[in-house]
Protein backbone atom coordinates (compact mmCIF):
# COMPACT_ATOMS: atom_id res chain seq x y z
CA MET A 1 27.82 19.79 -31.67
CA ALA A 2 29.05 19.20 -28.30
CA ASN A 3 32.63 19.33 -28.23
CA VAL A 4 34.67 15.73 -27.08
CA LEU A 5 35.64 17.51 -23.31
CA ASP A 6 31.37 18.22 -22.84
CA LEU A 7 30.62 14.91 -24.06
CA ARG A 8 33.40 12.93 -21.52
CA ARG A 9 31.89 15.22 -18.76
CA ARG A 10 28.53 14.25 -19.23
CA ILE A 11 29.40 10.10 -19.89
CA ARG A 12 31.14 10.49 -16.30
CA SER A 13 28.32 11.88 -15.18
CA VAL A 14 25.84 9.38 -16.31
CA LYS A 15 28.21 6.43 -15.12
CA ASN A 16 27.92 8.26 -11.58
CA THR A 17 23.91 8.03 -12.33
CA ARG A 18 24.11 4.35 -13.35
CA GLN A 19 25.77 3.73 -10.19
CA ILE A 20 23.49 4.87 -7.83
CA THR A 21 20.45 3.15 -9.08
CA LYS A 22 21.98 -0.44 -9.97
CA ALA A 23 23.11 0.58 -5.80
CA MET A 24 19.40 1.55 -5.35
CA LYS A 25 18.31 -1.93 -7.11
CA MET A 26 20.07 -4.29 -4.84
CA VAL A 27 19.04 -2.38 -1.69
CA SER A 28 15.62 -2.88 -2.89
CA ALA A 29 15.76 -6.25 -3.84
CA ALA A 30 17.17 -6.96 -0.21
CA LYS A 31 14.36 -5.23 1.13
CA LEU A 32 12.11 -6.46 -1.11
CA ARG A 33 13.01 -10.31 0.72
CA ARG A 34 12.59 -9.41 3.86
CA ALA A 35 8.84 -7.75 2.88
CA GLN A 36 8.02 -10.88 1.31
CA GLU A 37 8.72 -13.06 4.93
CA HIS A 38 6.95 -10.50 6.73
CA ALA A 39 4.37 -11.31 4.95
CA LEU A 40 4.92 -14.60 5.36
CA GLN A 41 5.17 -14.51 8.71
CA ALA A 42 1.77 -12.77 9.70
CA ARG A 43 0.01 -14.77 7.57
CA PRO A 44 -1.05 -18.13 9.67
CA TYR A 45 -1.98 -15.96 12.39
CA ALA A 46 -4.38 -13.44 10.36
CA GLN A 47 -5.21 -16.80 8.57
CA MET A 48 -6.23 -18.76 11.99
CA LEU A 49 -8.07 -15.56 13.62
CA ALA A 50 -10.18 -15.90 10.34
CA ASN A 51 -10.87 -19.44 10.93
CA VAL A 52 -11.74 -19.32 14.64
CA LEU A 53 -14.09 -16.70 13.68
CA GLN A 54 -15.40 -18.82 10.91
CA SER A 55 -15.86 -21.64 13.32
CA LEU A 56 -17.74 -19.67 15.49
CA VAL A 57 -20.23 -18.25 13.17
CA ARG A 58 -21.06 -21.57 11.82
CA ARG A 59 -21.51 -23.03 15.73
CA THR A 60 -23.51 -20.20 16.98
CA ASP A 61 -26.51 -17.99 16.40
CA LEU A 62 -25.13 -14.18 15.06
CA TYR A 63 -28.21 -12.63 16.57
CA ASN A 64 -29.29 -13.19 20.74
CA GLU A 65 -31.96 -15.07 21.24
CA GLN A 66 -33.33 -13.33 24.90
CA THR A 67 -32.31 -9.26 22.90
CA GLY A 68 -32.26 -9.71 19.44
CA GLU A 69 -29.56 -7.55 18.81
CA ILE A 70 -26.67 -8.77 16.63
CA MET A 71 -23.18 -10.34 18.59
CA HIS A 72 -21.00 -7.83 17.26
CA PRO A 73 -21.90 -4.26 15.98
CA LEU A 74 -19.00 -4.41 13.31
CA LEU A 75 -21.49 -6.74 11.59
CA VAL A 76 -23.59 -3.93 11.74
CA GLU A 77 -24.75 -3.09 8.30
CA ARG A 78 -26.22 0.48 7.38
CA GLU A 79 -26.89 3.00 4.70
CA GLU A 80 -23.63 4.16 3.33
CA LYS A 81 -23.85 7.48 3.87
CA ASN A 82 -20.41 8.62 5.22
CA VAL A 83 -17.72 6.25 4.35
CA LEU A 84 -13.83 6.53 5.54
CA VAL A 85 -11.12 5.09 3.01
CA LEU A 86 -7.54 4.45 3.87
CA VAL A 87 -5.28 5.19 0.94
CA ILE A 88 -1.88 3.44 1.30
CA ALA A 89 1.39 4.48 -0.49
CA GLY A 90 4.57 4.85 -0.57
CA ASP A 91 7.06 7.19 1.75
CA LYS A 92 10.03 7.36 -1.59
CA GLY A 93 9.88 8.03 -4.87
CA PHE A 94 11.75 6.35 -7.47
CA ALA A 95 9.51 3.32 -7.70
CA GLY A 96 7.91 4.48 -11.49
CA GLY A 97 4.15 4.46 -11.06
CA PHE A 98 3.50 2.85 -8.13
CA ASN A 99 2.37 5.94 -6.03
CA SER A 100 0.53 7.57 -9.34
CA ASN A 101 -1.49 4.57 -9.73
CA ILE A 102 -2.92 4.42 -6.25
CA GLY A 103 -3.67 7.75 -6.01
CA LYS A 104 -5.51 7.27 -9.32
CA ALA A 105 -7.61 4.31 -8.27
CA ALA A 106 -8.34 6.33 -5.07
CA GLN A 107 -9.71 9.26 -6.65
CA ARG A 108 -11.95 6.99 -8.95
CA PHE A 109 -13.48 5.70 -6.71
CA ILE A 110 -13.66 9.14 -4.55
CA ASP A 111 -15.48 10.57 -7.38
CA GLU A 112 -17.87 7.25 -8.54
CA ARG A 113 -19.19 7.63 -4.48
CA ARG A 114 -19.50 11.87 -4.31
CA ALA A 115 -21.73 11.15 -7.56
CA LEU A 116 -23.81 9.04 -5.06
CA GLY A 117 -23.86 11.71 -2.76
CA GLN A 118 -22.12 10.48 -0.04
CA ASN A 119 -19.23 11.88 2.63
CA LEU A 120 -16.40 10.89 2.09
CA ASP A 121 -13.37 11.05 4.87
CA LEU A 122 -9.69 9.83 4.15
CA GLU A 123 -7.11 8.63 6.07
CA PRO A 124 -3.57 8.43 4.06
CA ILE A 125 -0.83 6.29 4.96
CA GLY A 126 2.46 7.04 4.10
CA LYS A 127 3.98 10.24 2.61
CA LYS A 128 3.22 10.05 -0.81
CA ALA A 129 -0.46 9.99 0.49
CA ILE A 130 -0.52 12.82 2.51
CA GLY A 131 1.11 14.94 -0.10
CA LEU A 132 -1.44 13.95 -2.40
CA TYR A 133 -4.13 15.27 -0.36
CA LYS A 134 -2.38 18.08 1.34
CA LYS A 135 -3.41 20.62 -0.46
CA ARG A 136 -6.05 19.18 -2.38
CA PHE A 137 -8.89 18.57 0.65
CA PRO A 138 -8.81 20.04 4.62
CA LEU A 139 -8.38 18.50 7.73
CA ALA A 140 -11.30 17.55 9.69
CA VAL A 141 -12.11 20.15 12.57
CA TYR A 142 -12.94 18.76 15.90
CA GLU A 143 -14.34 20.96 18.79
CA HIS A 144 -13.34 19.51 22.68
CA LYS A 145 -15.93 19.90 25.08
CA GLU A 146 -15.74 18.78 28.67
CA GLU A 147 -19.01 19.75 30.67
CA LEU A 148 -19.16 18.61 34.72
CA TYR A 149 -21.65 16.95 36.64
CA ASP A 150 -23.04 15.29 39.45
CA ASN A 151 -21.81 18.77 41.72
CA ASP A 152 -18.36 18.81 39.38
CA LEU A 153 -17.65 15.42 40.80
CA ALA A 154 -17.58 13.57 37.46
CA LYS A 155 -16.68 14.88 34.10
CA HIS A 156 -18.03 14.79 30.89
CA ILE A 157 -15.56 14.80 27.33
CA GLU A 158 -16.81 14.96 24.02
CA ASP A 159 -14.83 15.76 20.62
CA ILE A 160 -17.91 16.83 17.93
CA ARG A 161 -17.03 17.01 14.40
CA HIS A 162 -17.88 19.54 12.60
CA ARG A 163 -17.50 19.17 9.09
CA ALA A 164 -17.13 21.81 6.65
CA VAL A 165 -16.93 20.00 2.96
CA PRO A 166 -17.85 16.57 1.91
CA ILE A 167 -14.53 15.05 1.09
CA GLU A 168 -11.80 15.89 4.18
CA VAL A 169 -8.86 14.67 5.46
CA ALA A 170 -9.99 12.51 9.12
CA ALA A 171 -5.80 11.74 10.24
CA GLU A 172 -2.82 11.30 8.75
CA HIS A 173 -0.57 8.37 9.17
CA PRO A 174 2.72 9.82 8.40
CA ALA A 175 4.94 7.12 10.27
CA LEU A 176 2.67 3.91 9.90
CA LEU A 177 4.73 2.72 6.76
CA ALA A 178 8.39 3.19 8.44
CA LYS A 179 7.97 1.47 11.76
CA ALA A 180 5.16 -1.08 10.46
CA ASN A 181 4.52 -1.97 14.44
CA ILE A 182 1.39 -3.93 15.33
CA ALA A 183 0.72 -1.94 18.08
CA ASP A 184 0.49 0.98 15.92
CA VAL A 185 -1.43 -0.35 13.56
CA ALA A 186 -4.24 -1.40 16.07
CA ALA A 187 -4.26 1.70 17.68
CA VAL A 188 -5.53 2.91 14.18
CA ALA A 189 -7.78 0.47 14.05
CA ASN A 190 -9.30 0.78 17.33
CA SER A 191 -9.77 4.73 16.55
CA ILE A 192 -11.62 3.37 13.01
CA ILE A 193 -13.64 0.75 15.11
CA ALA A 194 -15.01 3.06 17.53
CA ARG A 195 -15.99 5.61 15.03
CA TYR A 196 -18.13 2.88 13.03
CA GLU A 197 -19.94 1.84 16.69
CA ARG A 198 -20.84 5.20 17.52
CA ALA A 199 -22.14 5.50 13.46
CA GLU A 200 -19.80 8.46 12.47
CA ILE A 201 -19.36 6.46 9.38
CA ASP A 202 -21.10 3.83 7.72
CA SER A 203 -18.14 1.80 5.74
CA VAL A 204 -14.78 1.83 5.53
CA TYR A 205 -12.61 0.78 2.15
CA ILE A 206 -8.85 0.61 2.10
CA VAL A 207 -6.79 1.15 -0.76
CA PHE A 208 -3.81 -0.58 -1.65
CA ASN A 209 -1.54 -2.22 -4.16
CA GLU A 210 -2.49 -6.19 -3.67
CA PHE A 211 1.24 -8.16 -3.30
CA LYS A 212 1.29 -11.82 -4.35
CA SER A 213 4.70 -12.00 -5.61
CA VAL A 214 7.03 -9.81 -8.29
CA ILE A 215 5.28 -10.15 -11.61
CA SER A 216 1.39 -10.76 -9.97
CA GLN A 217 0.10 -7.25 -8.02
CA ARG A 218 -2.91 -5.29 -8.47
CA VAL A 219 -4.10 -2.10 -7.20
CA VAL A 220 -7.64 -3.02 -4.97
CA VAL A 221 -10.16 -1.28 -3.09
CA GLU A 222 -11.39 -3.61 -0.86
CA LYS A 223 -14.23 -2.65 1.44
CA LEU A 224 -13.26 -3.61 5.30
CA LEU A 225 -16.11 -2.70 7.42
CA PRO A 226 -19.02 -3.90 7.93
CA ILE A 227 -17.98 -7.43 7.66
CA ARG A 228 -20.31 -9.66 5.54
CA LYS A 229 -18.12 -12.95 5.47
CA LEU A 230 -15.25 -13.06 7.60
CA GLY A 231 -12.30 -14.61 5.68
CA VAL A 232 -13.12 -13.34 2.16
CA HIS A 233 -11.97 -10.29 0.77
CA GLU A 234 -14.32 -7.82 -1.07
CA VAL A 235 -12.66 -6.16 -3.35
CA THR A 236 -14.49 -3.96 -5.57
CA VAL A 237 -12.13 -1.69 -7.73
CA ILE A 238 -8.81 -3.79 -9.70
CA GLU A 239 -5.65 -2.60 -11.54
CA GLU A 240 -3.90 -5.33 -13.06
CA MET A 241 -0.20 -5.07 -13.81
CA THR A 242 0.11 -4.80 -17.83
CA GLU A 243 2.78 -7.58 -19.64
CA GLU A 244 4.95 -4.91 -20.09
CA GLN A 245 5.07 -4.20 -16.46
CA LYS A 246 5.26 -7.93 -15.78
CA GLU A 247 8.06 -8.68 -18.17
CA ALA A 248 10.03 -5.87 -16.78
CA ALA A 249 9.80 -6.84 -13.13
CA GLY A 250 10.10 -10.56 -14.16
CA LYS A 251 13.64 -9.47 -16.00
CA ALA A 252 14.65 -7.14 -12.55
CA ALA A 253 13.91 -10.05 -10.16
CA HIS A 254 15.80 -12.62 -12.02
CA GLU A 255 18.86 -10.32 -12.27
CA SER A 256 18.59 -9.48 -8.93
CA GLY A 257 18.03 -13.02 -7.60
CA VAL A 258 13.83 -12.19 -6.29
CA SER A 259 12.01 -15.39 -7.13
CA ILE A 260 8.90 -14.41 -9.29
CA ASN A 261 6.55 -17.57 -7.78
CA GLU A 262 3.97 -16.75 -5.27
CA PRO A 263 4.58 -18.56 -1.98
CA GLU A 264 3.08 -22.20 -1.85
CA GLU A 265 0.94 -22.88 1.11
CA THR A 266 2.63 -25.02 3.62
CA ALA A 267 1.04 -28.00 5.33
CA ALA A 268 0.54 -26.01 8.37
CA GLU A 269 -1.91 -23.43 6.75
CA ARG A 270 -3.78 -26.15 4.49
CA GLU A 271 -4.69 -27.71 8.50
CA ALA A 272 -5.46 -24.83 9.86
CA LYS A 273 -7.70 -23.81 7.07
CA LYS A 274 -9.75 -26.98 7.96
CA PHE A 275 -10.68 -25.67 11.81
CA GLY A 276 -13.01 -23.30 10.89
CA THR A 277 -14.59 -26.02 8.31
CA ALA A 278 -14.43 -28.73 10.17
CA ASP A 279 -17.72 -30.84 11.21
CA VAL A 280 -16.77 -30.81 15.05
CA ASP A 281 -18.56 -29.60 17.65
CA TYR A 282 -15.96 -27.60 19.65
CA ILE A 283 -16.42 -26.17 23.18
CA PHE A 284 -15.89 -22.28 23.51
CA ASP A 285 -15.11 -22.01 27.17
CA GLN A 286 -16.74 -18.05 26.76
CA ALA A 287 -20.07 -16.81 26.08
CA PRO A 288 -20.08 -15.91 21.94
CA GLU A 289 -20.32 -12.35 22.73
CA ARG A 290 -17.58 -12.21 24.38
CA LEU A 291 -15.29 -14.07 21.77
CA PHE A 292 -16.96 -11.71 19.24
CA ARG A 293 -16.03 -9.08 21.70
CA HIS A 294 -12.33 -9.51 21.54
CA LEU A 295 -11.53 -11.23 18.50
CA MET A 296 -13.58 -8.59 16.00
CA PRO A 297 -11.16 -6.09 16.37
CA ARG A 298 -7.87 -8.07 16.03
CA TYR A 299 -9.56 -9.44 12.67
CA ILE A 300 -9.44 -6.02 11.81
CA THR A 301 -6.13 -5.33 12.79
CA THR A 302 -4.93 -8.05 10.79
CA GLN A 303 -6.49 -7.08 7.73
CA ILE A 304 -5.03 -3.28 7.89
CA PHE A 305 -1.60 -4.94 9.08
CA HIS A 306 -1.87 -7.40 5.95
CA ALA A 307 -2.78 -4.62 3.71
CA LEU A 308 0.05 -2.18 5.35
CA LEU A 309 2.45 -5.05 4.46
CA GLU A 310 2.12 -6.36 1.16
CA SER A 311 1.60 -2.30 0.25
CA ILE A 312 5.58 -2.25 1.66
CA ALA A 313 6.61 -4.80 -0.36
CA ALA A 314 5.06 -3.50 -3.63
CA GLU A 315 6.46 -0.48 -3.18
CA HIS A 316 10.11 -2.50 -2.60
CA ALA A 317 9.27 -4.19 -5.92
CA ALA A 318 8.29 -1.45 -8.30
CA ARG A 319 11.42 0.45 -6.69
CA MET A 320 13.55 -2.24 -7.67
CA THR A 321 11.82 -2.86 -11.55
CA ALA A 322 12.00 1.09 -11.69
CA THR A 323 15.91 1.51 -10.47
CA ASP A 324 16.17 -1.31 -13.09
CA ALA A 325 15.11 0.35 -16.00
CA ALA A 326 17.44 3.62 -15.40
CA THR A 327 19.90 1.06 -14.75
CA LYS A 328 19.74 -0.22 -18.53
CA ASN A 329 18.57 3.35 -19.69
CA ALA A 330 22.03 5.06 -18.11
CA GLY A 331 23.96 1.90 -19.82
CA GLU A 332 22.42 2.84 -23.44
CA LEU A 333 22.64 6.70 -22.97
CA ILE A 334 26.79 5.94 -21.99
CA ASP A 335 27.04 3.74 -25.53
CA LYS A 336 24.87 6.58 -27.68
CA LEU A 337 27.73 9.22 -26.30
CA SER A 338 30.58 7.43 -26.19
CA LEU A 339 29.60 6.56 -29.73
CA THR A 340 29.01 10.51 -30.75
CA MET A 341 32.36 11.81 -28.71
CA ASN A 342 34.41 8.94 -31.38
CA ARG A 343 32.83 10.20 -33.96
CA VAL A 344 33.31 14.26 -32.81
CA ARG A 345 37.06 13.50 -31.86
CA GLN A 346 37.44 11.41 -35.12
CA ALA A 347 35.70 14.12 -37.27
CA ALA A 348 38.78 16.44 -35.55
CA ILE A 349 41.38 14.34 -36.41
CA THR A 350 40.73 14.10 -40.20
CA LYS A 351 40.17 18.15 -40.05
CA GLU A 352 43.30 18.42 -38.54
CA ILE A 353 44.94 15.79 -40.99
CA ILE A 354 43.32 17.67 -43.85
CA GLU A 355 44.36 20.92 -42.70
CA ILE A 356 47.86 19.77 -42.17
CA VAL A 357 47.83 18.16 -46.17
CA SER A 358 46.83 21.49 -47.19
CA GLY A 359 49.07 23.48 -45.83
CA ALA A 360 52.06 20.76 -47.42
CA ALA A 361 50.19 21.27 -50.55
CA ALA A 362 50.08 25.03 -50.61
CA LEU A 363 54.08 25.03 -50.23
């Protein structure tokens, strides 16, 4: 059994750890509030953009009357042979099962698609997602070709993909979560859109942790492309929180002063929803093809940006819950060690008294 000095050192070490986890919990709670505010601030724009597109679809034909072609290539559906999967995890640890749950859901989806004989391109977002696939799957290899024509007056530049294995990492985005900048997200979205329009990929899915409140979260695999119905989230895989996880998250949120209720829909948002379904003959200044060409990429960008903001909020909520549990466990361990130390000290005192009494009796 350890002596009193060793137990005191261990109690001091656990107390220091408890101070660290308590501070991490407070920091995560503050970051969670800001992340919720950012998600709420981005929601009206995304909702109105979807409503404008819904209104446009209701009042125009999706096919060109003269050519018979569909208005926008993002609405074209093809047989899914090459699938792109965006996996959004976290940048740091100490978040409980947040990162592992996303990895499991993504791997389950990958296994299902491979069973169907499909090729998969992965684009992990966040350092934890990148670390998950860095050693498991190789990076995609592109051959850069430049060809001169018209008597060397013009140049044709092309990057040719050489696929080596069915599952490859097409791109990595380590800084996208840290900045959460709409311009960076737009660059990623435009790259994906260009590849879809060139038929390099046939569908796009995004794996992330959907966040509505601290006790209302789920890991989802959502279909991003092709667009089947505007404003509707097509979810294929769902992994809900358990009752134990909800209870732990609720207690941590209550102690940190974070609301567990889902944000209520504002009057402006309710009015915005009526725009897409109102029986009003709106007059559009531009041709439907031009409107689709400009609004569709923005719609995809807002979908990815919305998933990014929700994943950030979910990560902070998971870290707040995990550090709260660590703080409570540290307190319980301190109590157990203190009790053990008192017993050891009492046993030592009793032993000394017995030795003194025995020595006195021997005299």
